[in-house]
Protein backbone atom coordinates (compact mmCIF):
# COMPACT_ATOMS: atom_id res chain seq x y z
CA MET A 1 -2.63 11.34 14.91
CA GLU A 2 0.01 12.18 12.33
CA SER A 3 3.32 10.38 12.26
CA THR A 4 6.40 10.11 10.07
CA ILE A 5 9.48 7.92 9.86
CA THR A 6 12.55 8.24 7.69
CA LEU A 7 14.65 5.21 6.85
CA LYS A 8 16.95 3.77 4.20
CA ALA A 9 15.50 1.72 1.35
CA ALA A 10 17.02 -1.56 2.50
CA GLU A 11 15.80 -5.02 3.52
CA GLU A 12 17.12 -4.59 7.05
CA GLU A 13 14.76 -1.62 7.57
CA ILE A 14 11.53 -3.61 6.99
CA TRP A 15 11.09 -4.14 10.74
CA ARG A 16 10.74 -0.37 11.14
CA ILE A 17 7.97 -0.31 8.54
CA GLU A 18 6.21 -3.17 10.30
CA GLN A 19 6.47 -1.35 13.62
CA PHE A 20 5.14 1.90 12.08
CA VAL A 21 2.14 0.19 10.47
CA GLU A 22 1.41 -1.91 13.56
CA LYS A 23 1.31 1.19 15.74
CA THR A 24 -1.14 2.81 13.33
CA ALA A 25 -3.28 -0.34 13.15
CA ASN A 26 -3.46 -0.49 16.94
CA GLU A 27 -4.44 3.19 17.20
CA TYR A 28 -7.28 2.75 14.68
CA ASN A 29 -8.36 -0.80 15.57
CA ILE A 30 -7.60 -2.08 12.08
CA PHE A 31 -8.14 -5.81 11.85
CA ASN A 32 -5.50 -8.21 10.52
CA SER A 33 -6.62 -8.50 6.91
CA TYR A 34 -6.68 -4.75 6.35
CA TYR A 35 -3.45 -4.33 8.31
CA SER A 36 -1.85 -6.80 5.89
CA ASN A 37 -3.01 -4.78 2.87
CA ILE A 38 -1.44 -1.64 4.30
CA LEU A 39 1.78 -3.36 5.33
CA VAL A 40 2.33 -5.18 2.02
CA SER A 41 1.58 -2.00 0.04
CA ILE A 42 4.10 0.07 1.96
CA ILE A 43 6.82 -2.59 1.96
CA GLU A 44 6.34 -3.11 -1.77
CA ALA A 45 6.57 0.64 -2.35
CA VAL A 46 9.79 0.94 -0.34
CA GLN A 47 11.26 -1.97 -2.31
CA HIS A 48 10.76 0.10 -5.47
CA VAL A 49 12.81 3.00 -4.14
CA LYS A 50 16.47 3.28 -5.17
CA LYS A 51 18.40 1.02 -2.77
CA GLY A 52 20.18 2.83 0.03
CA SER A 53 18.42 6.15 -0.54
CA ASP A 54 16.28 7.87 2.09
CA VAL A 55 12.58 7.07 2.27
CA THR A 56 10.07 9.04 4.30
CA ILE A 57 6.77 7.39 5.21
CA SER A 58 4.04 9.60 6.62
CA PHE A 59 0.62 8.79 7.97
CA TRP A 60 -2.45 10.85 8.77
CA SER A 61 -6.15 10.26 9.09
CA GLU A 62 -9.03 12.18 7.59
CA LYS A 63 -12.74 11.50 7.33
CA LYS A 64 -12.10 9.90 3.93
CA GLY A 65 -9.70 7.35 5.35
CA LEU A 66 -6.15 6.52 6.32
CA PHE A 67 -3.43 8.17 4.22
CA PHE A 68 0.14 6.95 3.82
CA THR A 69 2.71 8.77 1.71
CA ILE A 70 6.02 7.31 0.65
CA LYS A 71 8.61 9.82 -0.54
CA GLY A 72 11.82 8.64 -2.15
CA GLN A 73 13.62 8.10 -5.44
CA PHE A 74 11.38 5.49 -7.05
CA GLU A 75 13.14 3.46 -9.70
CA ASP A 76 10.05 3.19 -11.89
CA ILE A 77 6.36 3.64 -11.32
CA ASN A 78 4.90 2.23 -14.51
CA PRO A 79 1.07 1.98 -14.62
CA GLU A 80 1.38 -1.42 -16.35
CA SER A 81 3.77 -2.92 -13.79
CA ASP A 82 3.00 -5.66 -11.30
CA PHE A 83 3.92 -3.21 -8.54
CA VAL A 84 1.21 -0.72 -9.55
CA TYR A 85 -1.26 -3.57 -10.09
CA LEU A 86 -0.68 -4.75 -6.52
CA ILE A 87 -0.99 -1.23 -5.08
CA GLU A 88 -4.21 -0.79 -7.06
CA LYS A 89 -5.67 -3.99 -5.59
CA LEU A 90 -4.64 -3.49 -1.98
CA SER A 91 -5.49 0.21 -1.57
CA ASP A 92 -8.70 2.10 -2.19
CA GLU A 93 -6.94 4.89 -4.03
CA TYR A 94 -3.40 5.86 -4.95
CA LYS A 95 -1.49 8.68 -6.61
CA ALA A 96 2.06 8.34 -7.83
CA ASP A 97 4.91 10.07 -9.59
CA ASN A 98 8.68 9.59 -9.67
CA ASP A 99 9.36 10.54 -6.04
CA PHE A 100 5.99 10.31 -4.32
CA LEU A 101 3.32 7.70 -3.68
CA CYS A 102 0.13 8.33 -1.71
CA LEU A 103 -1.99 5.39 -0.61
CA VAL A 104 -5.52 5.83 0.71
CA PHE A 105 -7.30 3.16 2.70
CA SER A 106 -10.94 4.07 3.16
CA ILE A 107 -12.12 3.32 6.67
CA ASN A 108 -15.65 2.93 5.30
CA SER A 109 -14.55 0.07 3.06
CA ILE A 110 -13.16 -2.02 5.86
CA ASN A 111 -15.53 -4.91 5.46
CA LYS A 112 -15.35 -8.64 5.11
CA LYS A 113 -16.38 -8.85 1.43
CA LEU A 114 -13.84 -6.31 0.21
CA SER A 115 -11.13 -7.88 2.34
CA SER A 116 -11.93 -11.25 0.79
CA ILE A 117 -11.71 -9.83 -2.74
CA ARG A 118 -8.39 -8.20 -1.94
CA ARG A 119 -7.01 -11.34 -0.30
CA ASP A 120 -7.96 -13.38 -3.38
CA ALA A 121 -6.35 -10.82 -5.72
CA PHE A 122 -3.20 -10.84 -3.60
CA ASP A 123 -3.10 -14.66 -3.62
CA ARG A 124 -3.42 -14.66 -7.43
CA PHE A 125 -0.70 -12.02 -7.66
CA ILE A 126 1.67 -14.14 -5.58
CA LYS A 127 0.94 -17.14 -7.78
CA GLY A 128 1.61 -15.04 -10.91
CA ASP A 129 -1.99 -15.16 -12.13
CA SER A 130 -2.96 -11.51 -11.79
CA GLN A 131 -5.77 -11.39 -14.37
CA LYS A 132 -5.00 -7.70 -14.82
CA GLU A 133 -7.23 -7.05 -17.79
CA ASN A 134 -10.56 -8.17 -16.31
CA GLU A 135 -9.96 -6.91 -12.79
CA HIS A 136 -8.60 -3.55 -13.93
CA GLU A 137 -11.88 -2.89 -15.75
CA SER A 138 -14.03 -3.93 -12.78
CA ARG A 139 -11.90 -1.70 -10.51
CA LYS A 140 -12.88 1.30 -12.64
CA ASP A 141 -16.52 0.34 -12.17
CA GLY A 142 -16.23 0.58 -8.37
CA HIS A 143 -14.50 -2.57 -7.07
């Protein structure tokens, strides 16, 4: 299944993102914790697109996993930003430039332990305690 939506980068469009991700989660039997990682990642990405501009979100599945691309005029994708840190923690892989972000969620890594690690990282992020230095190094070593 491949699907695409185009919307405006605006708060009032978040419901459309939720609907898009929920439909995908239902099709692939993605449990709540992993669904949350996908949803938060995409909403966060759209919130970093120039307000009011068009955003296109696409989804497709391959053997490697679930792929989501977000195309739009990103305001800034800085590798040292909290935004990129969050994307790094919630997805299995990502690629980014000024008008494109690709998020990969490996179906093989949908497991309780990894979900727990990601949930804890997200909780720390929300609390402002991201511990970027230590976790960034362990991420390079394979989660």
